C-alpha atoms as a PDB file:
ATOM      1  CA  MET A   1     -33.602  20.936   5.955  1.00  0.00           C
ATOM      2  CA  LYS A   2     -32.411  24.358   6.894  1.00  0.00           C
ATOM      3  CA  THR A   3     -30.481  25.058  10.100  1.00  0.00           C
ATOM      4  CA  ALA A   4     -30.926  28.174  12.317  1.00  0.00           C
ATOM      5  CA  LEU A   5     -28.863  29.345  15.399  1.00  0.00           C
ATOM      6  CA  ILE A   6     -30.577  31.743  17.598  1.00  0.00           C
ATOM      7  CA  THR A   7     -28.703  33.759  20.274  1.00  0.00           C
ATOM      8  CA  GLY A   8     -31.125  34.788  23.000  1.00  0.00           C
ATOM      9  CA  ILE A   9     -33.232  31.724  22.648  1.00  0.00           C
ATOM     10  CA  THR A  10     -34.395  31.731  26.240  1.00  0.00           C
ATOM     11  CA  GLY A  11     -35.443  35.651  26.036  1.00  0.00           C
ATOM     12  CA  GLN A  12     -38.929  37.019  24.869  1.00  0.00           C
ATOM     13  CA  ASP A  13     -38.507  36.818  20.904  1.00  0.00           C
ATOM     14  CA  GLY A  14     -36.206  33.617  20.856  1.00  0.00           C
ATOM     15  CA  PRO A  15     -38.938  31.274  21.852  1.00  0.00           C
ATOM     16  CA  TYR A  16     -41.481  32.765  19.304  1.00  0.00           C
ATOM     17  CA  LEU A  17     -38.937  32.754  16.600  1.00  0.00           C
ATOM     18  CA  ALA A  18     -37.878  29.057  17.382  1.00  0.00           C
ATOM     19  CA  GLU A  19     -41.519  27.904  17.283  1.00  0.00           C
ATOM     20  CA  PHE A  20     -42.030  29.735  13.950  1.00  0.00           C
ATOM     21  CA  LEU A  21     -38.799  28.179  12.597  1.00  0.00           C
ATOM     22  CA  LEU A  22     -39.840  24.612  13.575  1.00  0.00           C
ATOM     23  CA  SER A  23     -42.981  25.023  12.080  1.00  0.00           C
ATOM     24  CA  LYS A  24     -41.093  25.681   8.827  1.00  0.00           C
ATOM     25  CA  GLY A  25     -39.223  22.504   9.216  1.00  0.00           C
ATOM     26  CA  TYR A  26     -36.000  23.995  10.416  1.00  0.00           C
ATOM     27  CA  ARG A  27     -33.506  22.323  12.660  1.00  0.00           C
ATOM     28  CA  VAL A  28     -33.222  24.919  15.701  1.00  0.00           C
ATOM     29  CA  TYR A  29     -30.024  25.394  17.710  1.00  0.00           C
ATOM     30  CA  GLY A  30     -30.104  27.859  20.657  1.00  0.00           C
ATOM     31  CA  LEU A  31     -26.981  29.481  22.015  1.00  0.00           C
ATOM     32  CA  VAL A  32     -27.364  29.492  25.835  1.00  0.00           C
ATOM     33  CA  ARG A  33     -24.604  30.812  28.325  1.00  0.00           C
ATOM     34  CA  ARG A  34     -23.085  28.282  31.001  1.00  0.00           C
ATOM     35  CA  LEU A  35     -24.978  29.160  34.069  1.00  0.00           C
ATOM     36  CA  SER A  36     -25.421  27.165  37.107  1.00  0.00           C
ATOM     37  CA  THR A  37     -29.074  27.640  36.809  1.00  0.00           C
ATOM     38  CA  PRO A  38     -29.946  28.713  33.243  1.00  0.00           C
ATOM     39  CA  ASN A  39     -33.414  29.877  32.897  1.00  0.00           C
ATOM     40  CA  MET A  40     -35.341  27.682  30.637  1.00  0.00           C
ATOM     41  CA  GLU A  41     -38.827  28.891  31.602  1.00  0.00           C
ATOM     42  CA  ASN A  42     -39.709  30.458  28.144  1.00  0.00           C
ATOM     43  CA  ILE A  43     -38.565  27.455  26.158  1.00  0.00           C
ATOM     44  CA  LYS A  44     -39.658  24.546  28.355  1.00  0.00           C
ATOM     45  CA  HIS A  45     -42.462  23.597  25.940  1.00  0.00           C
ATOM     46  CA  ILE A  46     -40.074  23.195  22.931  1.00  0.00           C
ATOM     47  CA  TYR A  47     -37.203  22.304  24.908  1.00  0.00           C
ATOM     48  CA  ASP A  48     -37.072  18.566  23.573  1.00  0.00           C
ATOM     49  CA  LYS A  49     -37.326  19.960  19.768  1.00  0.00           C
ATOM     50  CA  LEU A  50     -34.115  22.276  20.222  1.00  0.00           C
ATOM     51  CA  GLU A  51     -30.478  21.630  20.367  1.00  0.00           C
ATOM     52  CA  LEU A  52     -28.577  23.937  22.596  1.00  0.00           C
ATOM     53  CA  VAL A  53     -24.990  24.869  22.216  1.00  0.00           C
ATOM     54  CA  SER A  54     -22.930  26.647  24.674  1.00  0.00           C
ATOM     55  CA  GLY A  55     -21.616  30.183  23.876  1.00  0.00           C
ATOM     56  CA  ASP A  56     -21.374  33.742  25.166  1.00  0.00           C
ATOM     57  CA  LEU A  57     -21.438  36.982  23.191  1.00  0.00           C
ATOM     58  CA  LEU A  58     -18.195  38.130  25.496  1.00  0.00           C
ATOM     59  CA  ASP A  59     -16.192  35.063  24.258  1.00  0.00           C
ATOM     60  CA  GLN A  60     -15.190  35.137  20.601  1.00  0.00           C
ATOM     61  CA  GLY A  61     -13.788  31.488  20.527  1.00  0.00           C
ATOM     62  CA  SER A  62     -16.956  30.199  22.111  1.00  0.00           C
ATOM     63  CA  LEU A  63     -18.907  31.713  19.162  1.00  0.00           C
ATOM     64  CA  SER A  64     -16.890  30.262  16.444  1.00  0.00           C
ATOM     65  CA  ASP A  65     -17.018  26.737  18.179  1.00  0.00           C
ATOM     66  CA  ALA A  66     -20.952  27.075  18.488  1.00  0.00           C
ATOM     67  CA  ILE A  67     -21.128  27.967  14.525  1.00  0.00           C
ATOM     68  CA  LYS A  68     -18.726  24.944  13.845  1.00  0.00           C
ATOM     69  CA  ASN A  69     -20.868  22.700  15.829  1.00  0.00           C
ATOM     70  CA  SER A  70     -24.373  23.793  14.625  1.00  0.00           C
ATOM     71  CA  LYS A  71     -23.307  24.500  11.011  1.00  0.00           C
ATOM     72  CA  PRO A  72     -26.347  26.889  10.619  1.00  0.00           C
ATOM     73  CA  ASP A  73     -27.686  28.330   7.232  1.00  0.00           C
ATOM     74  CA  GLU A  74     -29.071  31.283   9.336  1.00  0.00           C
ATOM     75  CA  ILE A  75     -28.142  33.115  12.532  1.00  0.00           C
ATOM     76  CA  TYR A  76     -30.493  35.146  14.410  1.00  0.00           C
ATOM     77  CA  ASN A  77     -28.624  37.471  16.922  1.00  0.00           C
ATOM     78  CA  LEU A  78     -31.380  38.287  19.497  1.00  0.00           C
ATOM     79  CA  ALA A  79     -29.227  38.213  22.596  1.00  0.00           C
ATOM     80  CA  ALA A  80     -28.301  41.684  24.158  1.00  0.00           C
ATOM     81  CA  GLN A  81     -28.347  43.427  27.574  1.00  0.00           C
ATOM     82  CA  SER A  82     -31.653  44.761  26.484  1.00  0.00           C
ATOM     83  CA  PHE A  83     -33.315  46.478  29.504  1.00  0.00           C
ATOM     84  CA  VAL A  84     -32.732  50.201  28.907  1.00  0.00           C
ATOM     85  CA  LYS A  85     -32.888  51.243  32.505  1.00  0.00           C
ATOM     86  CA  ALA A  86     -30.216  48.683  33.460  1.00  0.00           C
ATOM     87  CA  SER A  87     -27.957  50.192  30.526  1.00  0.00           C
ATOM     88  CA  TRP A  88     -27.709  53.219  32.880  1.00  0.00           C
ATOM     89  CA  ASP A  89     -26.482  51.252  35.716  1.00  0.00           C
ATOM     90  CA  GLN A  90     -24.273  49.004  33.557  1.00  0.00           C
ATOM     91  CA  PRO A  91     -23.147  51.035  30.391  1.00  0.00           C
ATOM     92  CA  VAL A  92     -19.919  49.179  29.947  1.00  0.00           C
ATOM     93  CA  LEU A  93     -21.477  45.647  30.145  1.00  0.00           C
ATOM     94  CA  THR A  94     -24.149  46.832  27.748  1.00  0.00           C
ATOM     95  CA  GLY A  95     -21.628  47.874  25.394  1.00  0.00           C
ATOM     96  CA  GLU A  96     -19.653  44.505  25.493  1.00  0.00           C
ATOM     97  CA  PHE A  97     -22.963  42.509  24.923  1.00  0.00           C
ATOM     98  CA  THR A  98     -25.068  44.761  22.830  1.00  0.00           C
ATOM     99  CA  ALA A  99     -22.403  46.251  20.820  1.00  0.00           C
ATOM    100  CA  LEU A 100     -19.103  44.193  20.530  1.00  0.00           C
ATOM    101  CA  GLY A 101     -21.065  41.082  20.815  1.00  0.00           C
ATOM    102  CA  VAL A 102     -22.443  41.814  17.328  1.00  0.00           C
ATOM    103  CA  THR A 103     -18.909  42.230  15.944  1.00  0.00           C
ATOM    104  CA  ARG A 104     -17.741  39.033  17.595  1.00  0.00           C
ATOM    105  CA  MET A 105     -20.751  37.122  15.995  1.00  0.00           C
ATOM    106  CA  LEU A 106     -20.110  38.727  12.585  1.00  0.00           C
ATOM    107  CA  GLU A 107     -16.392  37.992  13.045  1.00  0.00           C
ATOM    108  CA  ALA A 108     -17.163  34.222  13.636  1.00  0.00           C
ATOM    109  CA  ILE A 109     -19.210  34.085  10.617  1.00  0.00           C
ATOM    110  CA  ARG A 110     -16.502  35.689   8.479  1.00  0.00           C
ATOM    111  CA  THR A 111     -13.857  33.400   9.611  1.00  0.00           C
ATOM    112  CA  VAL A 112     -15.912  29.995   9.849  1.00  0.00           C
ATOM    113  CA  ASN A 113     -18.545  30.464   6.925  1.00  0.00           C
ATOM    114  CA  PRO A 114     -19.125  33.652   5.334  1.00  0.00           C
ATOM    115  CA  LYS A 115     -22.051  32.267   3.387  1.00  0.00           C
ATOM    116  CA  ILE A 116     -24.272  32.066   6.501  1.00  0.00           C
ATOM    117  CA  LYS A 117     -26.989  34.552   6.569  1.00  0.00           C
ATOM    118  CA  PHE A 118     -27.119  36.937   9.628  1.00  0.00           C
ATOM    119  CA  TYR A 119     -30.095  38.714  11.146  1.00  0.00           C
ATOM    120  CA  GLN A 120     -29.194  41.482  13.689  1.00  0.00           C
ATOM    121  CA  ALA A 121     -31.882  42.870  16.146  1.00  0.00           C
ATOM    122  CA  SER A 122     -31.635  46.543  15.989  1.00  0.00           C
ATOM    123  CA  SER A 123     -34.171  48.639  17.888  1.00  0.00           C
ATOM    124  CA  SER A 124     -36.273  51.973  17.741  1.00  0.00           C
ATOM    125  CA  GLU A 125     -34.259  53.058  20.944  1.00  0.00           C
ATOM    126  CA  MET A 126     -31.596  53.922  18.301  1.00  0.00           C
ATOM    127  CA  PHE A 127     -33.941  56.961  17.148  1.00  0.00           C
ATOM    128  CA  GLY A 128     -34.102  58.287  20.743  1.00  0.00           C
ATOM    129  CA  LYS A 129     -34.586  62.063  20.510  1.00  0.00           C
ATOM    130  CA  VAL A 130     -36.595  61.740  17.032  1.00  0.00           C
ATOM    131  CA  THR A 131     -35.609  64.099  14.105  1.00  0.00           C
ATOM    132  CA  GLU A 132     -38.661  63.110  12.183  1.00  0.00           C
ATOM    133  CA  THR A 133     -42.079  61.391  12.730  1.00  0.00           C
ATOM    134  CA  PRO A 134     -42.773  58.590  11.822  1.00  0.00           C
ATOM    135  CA  GLN A 135     -39.451  57.028  11.823  1.00  0.00           C
ATOM    136  CA  LYS A 136     -38.160  54.976   8.866  1.00  0.00           C
ATOM    137  CA  GLU A 137     -34.968  53.310   7.712  1.00  0.00           C
ATOM    138  CA  THR A 138     -33.293  56.702   6.833  1.00  0.00           C
ATOM    139  CA  THR A 139     -34.304  58.596   9.855  1.00  0.00           C
ATOM    140  CA  ARG A 140     -31.233  59.935  11.610  1.00  0.00           C
ATOM    141  CA  PHE A 141     -30.250  58.104  14.855  1.00  0.00           C
ATOM    142  CA  HIS A 142     -29.964  59.955  18.156  1.00  0.00           C
ATOM    143  CA  PRO A 143     -29.980  57.454  20.812  1.00  0.00           C
ATOM    144  CA  ARG A 144     -30.841  58.607  24.392  1.00  0.00           C
ATOM    145  CA  SER A 145     -29.450  55.648  26.649  1.00  0.00           C
ATOM    146  CA  PRO A 146     -26.310  53.574  26.691  1.00  0.00           C
ATOM    147  CA  TYR A 147     -28.494  50.663  25.223  1.00  0.00           C
ATOM    148  CA  GLY A 148     -29.457  52.764  22.275  1.00  0.00           C
ATOM    149  CA  VAL A 149     -25.948  53.863  21.606  1.00  0.00           C
ATOM    150  CA  ALA A 150     -24.687  50.166  21.725  1.00  0.00           C
ATOM    151  CA  LYS A 151     -27.634  49.181  19.327  1.00  0.00           C
ATOM    152  CA  VAL A 152     -26.471  51.990  16.941  1.00  0.00           C
ATOM    153  CA  TYR A 153     -23.005  50.417  16.906  1.00  0.00           C
ATOM    154  CA  GLY A 154     -24.476  46.901  16.355  1.00  0.00           C
ATOM    155  CA  HIS A 155     -26.494  48.265  13.494  1.00  0.00           C
ATOM    156  CA  TYR A 156     -23.642  50.018  11.722  1.00  0.00           C
ATOM    157  CA  ILE A 157     -21.122  47.130  12.243  1.00  0.00           C
ATOM    158  CA  THR A 158     -23.561  44.608  10.577  1.00  0.00           C
ATOM    159  CA  VAL A 159     -24.042  47.187   7.547  1.00  0.00           C
ATOM    160  CA  ASN A 160     -20.132  47.412   7.625  1.00  0.00           C
ATOM    161  CA  TYR A 161     -19.691  43.651   7.325  1.00  0.00           C
ATOM    162  CA  ARG A 162     -22.282  43.552   4.685  1.00  0.00           C
ATOM    163  CA  GLU A 163     -20.466  45.963   2.502  1.00  0.00           C
ATOM    164  CA  SER A 164     -17.029  45.201   3.373  1.00  0.00           C
ATOM    165  CA  TYR A 165     -17.237  41.129   3.356  1.00  0.00           C
ATOM    166  CA  GLY A 166     -20.304  40.670   1.197  1.00  0.00           C
ATOM    167  CA  ILE A 167     -21.930  38.808   4.194  1.00  0.00           C
ATOM    168  CA  PHE A 168     -25.745  38.510   3.904  1.00  0.00           C
ATOM    169  CA  ALA A 169     -26.490  40.599   6.807  1.00  0.00           C
ATOM    170  CA  CYS A 170     -29.760  42.324   7.722  1.00  0.00           C
ATOM    171  CA  SER A 171     -30.961  44.545  10.519  1.00  0.00           C
ATOM    172  CA  GLY A 172     -34.409  44.581  11.685  1.00  0.00           C
ATOM    173  CA  ILE A 173     -35.190  48.019  13.317  1.00  0.00           C
ATOM    174  CA  LEU A 174     -38.041  46.602  15.493  1.00  0.00           C
ATOM    175  CA  PHE A 175     -40.241  49.091  17.483  1.00  0.00           C
ATOM    176  CA  ASN A 176     -41.446  47.888  20.981  1.00  0.00           C
ATOM    177  CA  HIS A 177     -43.011  44.529  20.751  1.00  0.00           C
ATOM    178  CA  GLU A 178     -44.344  42.712  23.936  1.00  0.00           C
ATOM    179  CA  SER A 179     -45.900  39.490  24.867  1.00  0.00           C
ATOM    180  CA  PRO A 180     -46.519  37.331  27.958  1.00  0.00           C
ATOM    181  CA  ARG A 181     -43.039  36.249  27.912  1.00  0.00           C
ATOM    182  CA  ARG A 182     -41.675  39.835  28.325  1.00  0.00           C
ATOM    183  CA  GLY A 183     -39.393  40.210  31.434  1.00  0.00           C
ATOM    184  CA  ILE A 184     -41.263  41.537  34.716  1.00  0.00           C
ATOM    185  CA  GLU A 185     -38.915  44.509  34.739  1.00  0.00           C
ATOM    186  CA  PHE A 186     -40.111  45.873  31.559  1.00  0.00           C
ATOM    187  CA  VAL A 187     -43.064  48.515  31.921  1.00  0.00           C
ATOM    188  CA  THR A 188     -45.579  46.705  29.806  1.00  0.00           C
ATOM    189  CA  ARG A 189     -45.342  43.397  31.660  1.00  0.00           C
ATOM    190  CA  LYS A 190     -44.982  45.306  34.983  1.00  0.00           C
ATOM    191  CA  ILE A 191     -48.337  46.718  34.203  1.00  0.00           C
ATOM    192  CA  THR A 192     -50.058  43.825  33.218  1.00  0.00           C
ATOM    193  CA  ASN A 193     -48.658  41.751  36.216  1.00  0.00           C
ATOM    194  CA  ALA A 194     -49.419  44.318  38.685  1.00  0.00           C
ATOM    195  CA  VAL A 195     -53.157  44.702  37.042  1.00  0.00           C
ATOM    196  CA  ALA A 196     -53.679  41.000  37.452  1.00  0.00           C
ATOM    197  CA  ARG A 197     -52.400  40.938  41.024  1.00  0.00           C
ATOM    198  CA  ILE A 198     -54.591  43.990  42.067  1.00  0.00           C
ATOM    199  CA  SER A 199     -57.713  42.432  40.628  1.00  0.00           C
ATOM    200  CA  LEU A 200     -57.037  39.312  42.605  1.00  0.00           C
ATOM    201  CA  GLY A 201     -56.494  41.456  45.766  1.00  0.00           C
ATOM    202  CA  LYS A 202     -52.611  40.362  45.877  1.00  0.00           C
ATOM    203  CA  GLN A 203     -51.157  44.084  45.403  1.00  0.00           C
ATOM    204  CA  GLU A 204     -52.464  47.311  46.271  1.00  0.00           C
ATOM    205  CA  ARG A 205     -50.479  49.887  44.005  1.00  0.00           C
ATOM    206  CA  LEU A 206     -48.614  50.068  40.895  1.00  0.00           C
ATOM    207  CA  GLU A 207     -45.733  52.293  40.792  1.00  0.00           C
ATOM    208  CA  LEU A 208     -44.428  53.826  37.474  1.00  0.00           C
ATOM    209  CA  GLY A 209     -42.400  56.483  36.189  1.00  0.00           C
ATOM    210  CA  SER A 210     -43.737  59.029  33.623  1.00  0.00           C
ATOM    211  CA  LEU A 211     -47.116  58.010  31.992  1.00  0.00           C
ATOM    212  CA  GLU A 212     -46.659  60.409  29.196  1.00  0.00           C
ATOM    213  CA  PRO A 213     -44.198  58.522  26.728  1.00  0.00           C
ATOM    214  CA  LYS A 214     -45.770  57.182  23.532  1.00  0.00           C
ATOM    215  CA  ARG A 215     -44.684  53.964  21.983  1.00  0.00           C
ATOM    216  CA  ASP A 216     -45.340  51.937  18.760  1.00  0.00           C
ATOM    217  CA  TRP A 217     -46.364  48.643  20.608  1.00  0.00           C
ATOM    218  CA  GLY A 218     -46.782  45.512  18.709  1.00  0.00           C
ATOM    219  CA  PHE A 219     -46.837  41.579  19.365  1.00  0.00           C
ATOM    220  CA  SER A 220     -43.596  39.802  19.625  1.00  0.00           C
ATOM    221  CA  GLY A 221     -45.070  36.643  17.942  1.00  0.00           C
ATOM    222  CA  ASP A 222     -45.963  38.795  14.770  1.00  0.00           C
ATOM    223  CA  TYR A 223     -42.475  40.371  14.623  1.00  0.00           C
ATOM    224  CA  VAL A 224     -40.292  37.384  14.403  1.00  0.00           C
ATOM    225  CA  GLU A 225     -41.792  36.329  11.094  1.00  0.00           C
ATOM    226  CA  ALA A 226     -40.305  39.734   9.721  1.00  0.00           C
ATOM    227  CA  MET A 227     -37.076  38.426  11.018  1.00  0.00           C
ATOM    228  CA  TRP A 228     -37.042  35.208   8.840  1.00  0.00           C
ATOM    229  CA  LEU A 229     -38.637  37.055   5.815  1.00  0.00           C
ATOM    230  CA  MET A 230     -35.611  39.345   5.795  1.00  0.00           C
ATOM    231  CA  LEU A 231     -33.494  36.370   5.459  1.00  0.00           C
ATOM    232  CA  GLN A 232     -35.381  34.971   2.363  1.00  0.00           C
ATOM    233  CA  GLN A 233     -34.973  37.884   0.252  1.00  0.00           C
ATOM    234  CA  GLU A 234     -32.367  37.837  -2.811  1.00  0.00           C
ATOM    235  CA  LYS A 235     -30.503  40.958  -1.367  1.00  0.00           C
ATOM    236  CA  PRO A 236     -29.748  41.812   2.446  1.00  0.00           C
ATOM    237  CA  ASP A 237     -31.067  45.037   3.743  1.00  0.00           C
ATOM    238  CA  ASP A 238     -32.286  46.767   6.820  1.00  0.00           C
ATOM    239  CA  TYR A 239     -36.148  47.088   7.678  1.00  0.00           C
ATOM    240  CA  VAL A 240     -38.216  49.130  10.220  1.00  0.00           C
ATOM    241  CA  ILE A 241     -40.889  46.683  11.825  1.00  0.00           C
ATOM    242  CA  ALA A 242     -43.486  48.460  13.340  1.00  0.00           C
ATOM    243  CA  THR A 243     -47.472  48.938  13.680  1.00  0.00           C
ATOM    244  CA  GLY A 244     -47.476  52.567  12.606  1.00  0.00           C
ATOM    245  CA  GLU A 245     -49.725  53.234  15.684  1.00  0.00           C
ATOM    246  CA  ASN A 246     -48.739  54.524  19.170  1.00  0.00           C
ATOM    247  CA  TYR A 247     -50.088  54.878  22.570  1.00  0.00           C
ATOM    248  CA  SER A 248     -49.107  56.607  25.830  1.00  0.00           C
ATOM    249  CA  VAL A 249     -47.918  54.469  28.819  1.00  0.00           C
ATOM    250  CA  LYS A 250     -51.135  55.885  30.434  1.00  0.00           C
ATOM    251  CA  GLU A 251     -53.211  54.309  27.568  1.00  0.00           C
ATOM    252  CA  PHE A 252     -51.805  51.088  28.248  1.00  0.00           C
ATOM    253  CA  VAL A 253     -52.485  51.207  31.847  1.00  0.00           C
ATOM    254  CA  GLU A 254     -56.112  52.181  31.162  1.00  0.00           C
ATOM    255  CA  GLU A 255     -56.529  49.368  28.759  1.00  0.00           C
ATOM    256  CA  ALA A 256     -54.985  46.752  31.210  1.00  0.00           C
ATOM    257  CA  PHE A 257     -57.236  47.853  33.900  1.00  0.00           C
ATOM    258  CA  ARG A 258     -60.235  47.868  31.526  1.00  0.00           C
ATOM    259  CA  VAL A 259     -59.441  44.037  30.720  1.00  0.00           C
ATOM    260  CA  VAL A 260     -60.044  43.212  34.519  1.00  0.00           C
ATOM    261  CA  GLY A 261     -63.290  45.731  34.680  1.00  0.00           C
ATOM    262  CA  ILE A 262     -61.590  48.258  36.923  1.00  0.00           C
ATOM    263  CA  LYS A 263     -62.632  51.850  35.691  1.00  0.00           C
ATOM    264  CA  ASP A 264     -61.181  54.108  38.520  1.00  0.00           C
ATOM    265  CA  TRP A 265     -57.653  52.766  37.907  1.00  0.00           C
ATOM    266  CA  GLU A 266     -55.912  56.104  38.888  1.00  0.00           C
ATOM    267  CA  LYS A 267     -56.436  55.311  42.806  1.00  0.00           C
ATOM    268  CA  TYR A 268     -54.143  52.298  42.062  1.00  0.00           C
ATOM    269  CA  VAL A 269     -51.464  53.916  40.201  1.00  0.00           C
ATOM    270  CA  ILE A 270     -48.403  56.157  41.574  1.00  0.00           C
ATOM    271  CA  ALA A 271     -46.649  58.102  38.568  1.00  0.00           C
ATOM    272  CA  ASN A 272     -43.502  59.763  38.118  1.00  0.00           C
ATOM    273  CA  SER A 273     -41.920  57.594  40.951  1.00  0.00           C
ATOM    274  CA  LYS A 274     -38.451  58.924  41.278  1.00  0.00           C
ATOM    275  CA  LYS A 275     -36.902  55.232  41.232  1.00  0.00           C
ATOM    276  CA  HIS A 276     -38.557  54.688  37.840  1.00  0.00           C
ATOM    277  CA  THR A 277     -37.237  57.790  36.089  1.00  0.00           C
ATOM    278  CA  ARG A 278     -34.115  57.775  33.819  1.00  0.00           C
ATOM    279  CA  PRO A 279     -31.452  60.367  33.191  1.00  0.00           C
ATOM    280  CA  ALA A 280     -32.805  60.862  29.662  1.00  0.00           C
ATOM    281  CA  GLU A 281     -36.193  59.759  28.338  1.00  0.00           C
ATOM    282  CA  VAL A 282     -37.376  58.937  24.746  1.00  0.00           C
ATOM    283  CA  ASP A 283     -40.835  60.545  24.649  1.00  0.00           C
ATOM    284  CA  TYR A 284     -42.339  59.738  21.087  1.00  0.00           C
ATOM    285  CA  LEU A 285     -41.620  56.789  18.941  1.00  0.00           C
ATOM    286  CA  ILE A 286     -43.890  55.574  16.109  1.00  0.00           C
ATOM    287  CA  GLY A 287     -42.483  53.596  13.034  1.00  0.00           C
ATOM    288  CA  ASP A 288     -43.054  53.494   9.349  1.00  0.00           C
ATOM    289  CA  ALA A 289     -42.903  49.891   8.209  1.00  0.00           C
ATOM    290  CA  SER A 290     -44.059  50.650   4.485  1.00  0.00           C
ATOM    291  CA  LYS A 291     -40.645  49.216   3.212  1.00  0.00           C
ATOM    292  CA  ALA A 292     -41.229  45.916   4.999  1.00  0.00           C
ATOM    293  CA  ARG A 293     -45.001  45.796   3.848  1.00  0.00           C
ATOM    294  CA  LYS A 294     -43.849  46.385   0.229  1.00  0.00           C
ATOM    295  CA  VAL A 295     -40.762  44.322   0.029  1.00  0.00           C
ATOM    296  CA  LEU A 296     -41.361  41.404   2.536  1.00  0.00           C
ATOM    297  CA  GLY A 297     -45.166  41.385   2.486  1.00  0.00           C
ATOM    298  CA  TRP A 298     -45.172  41.674   6.176  1.00  0.00           C
ATOM    299  CA  GLU A 299     -48.240  43.045   8.115  1.00  0.00           C
ATOM    300  CA  PRO A 300     -48.741  43.069  11.826  1.00  0.00           C
ATOM    301  CA  LYS A 301     -51.689  40.913  12.901  1.00  0.00           C
ATOM    302  CA  THR A 302     -52.364  41.838  16.485  1.00  0.00           C
ATOM    303  CA  SER A 303     -54.014  44.963  17.487  1.00  0.00           C
ATOM    304  CA  PHE A 304     -52.876  46.969  20.798  1.00  0.00           C
ATOM    305  CA  LYS A 305     -55.996  46.146  22.435  1.00  0.00           C
ATOM    306  CA  ASN A 306     -55.530  42.567  21.775  1.00  0.00           C
ATOM    307  CA  LEU A 307     -51.997  42.608  22.903  1.00  0.00           C
ATOM    308  CA  VAL A 308     -52.948  44.117  26.240  1.00  0.00           C
ATOM    309  CA  LYS A 309     -55.577  41.555  26.562  1.00  0.00           C
ATOM    310  CA  ILE A 310     -53.366  38.616  25.841  1.00  0.00           C
ATOM    311  CA  MET A 311     -50.758  39.876  28.346  1.00  0.00           C
ATOM    312  CA  VAL A 312     -53.167  40.608  31.007  1.00  0.00           C
ATOM    313  CA  GLU A 313     -55.181  37.239  30.726  1.00  0.00           C
ATOM    314  CA  ALA A 314     -51.668  35.425  30.755  1.00  0.00           C
ATOM    315  CA  ASP A 315     -50.746  37.224  33.907  1.00  0.00           C
ATOM    316  CA  LEU A 316     -54.101  36.527  35.499  1.00  0.00           C
ATOM    317  CA  LYS A 317     -53.680  32.736  34.667  1.00  0.00           C
ATOM    318  CA  ARG A 318     -50.066  32.749  36.021  1.00  0.00           C
ATOM    319  CA  GLU A 319     -51.208  34.541  39.387  1.00  0.00           C
ATOM    320  CA  LYS A 320     -54.038  32.159  39.871  1.00  0.00           C
ATOM    321  CA  SER A 321     -51.906  28.991  39.440  1.00  0.00           C
ATOM    322  CA  ASN A 322     -49.529  30.356  41.946  1.00  0.00           C
ATOM    323  CA  GLU A 323     -52.220  30.550  44.832  1.00  0.00           C
END
């Protein structure tokens, strides 16, 4: 039986990855920080199948202890300060978690057991102000936020440990991937939650920043399979994971309102709200996942329309159960 350790187990991707690995017969450990009230909402349905170990990406010793206690064959580093807007408010903390946290984990692997296979969650935000379209593994990085900059560091330190110490370390450059488990502060979930509430008469308006940015949006549940596939290859490498299609925030809003049967959506939406704009914006991201298709045999399964539908319907169910 293989054993995996997942950081960020309580986030969006962690529970989907845990479900996937459990279905493959893995023993799954999740790294959790010692909080007075840890947020277990996303893993409550599989809580009894997981083994949780205490650790923090800010604390080198705790990571080494977590690895010694769980003895994993594979580590999936999904933990980060992952909200782009918050990285402007907390740039130093973002660097500590999202950049140096990767180094601490790699250093723990190197000193405890360098045979452990490592997956690093890289991000399309590393491309930022894009230099070519679509973006692939060789596209130059030009990040446009402290989060994007920190992810570039995390990406290159993973490459560095692979080349310097022979560690089986891979980076998945994942484009935007969403789900009903996405945090409410992220634009997609903010939209689907507001649309559900508006359709139920619980909310009057949806306030957003610009409706123009275009993103390559996939389903988180599809993307975790790609993470696993990377660690099953003979040689470690980096892969772009994306759908190859992109849609604007406006198109996401339109589609979400369409799910609940509202056509005149404009009267419910306030766009370009000052409090939702950033010092620098990433306007156009679309990924070329042909390498992942060819080498990993990976394909996205969920269409854009279906993704929006899944999210709106989950928020409708949630809001109705709160009544």
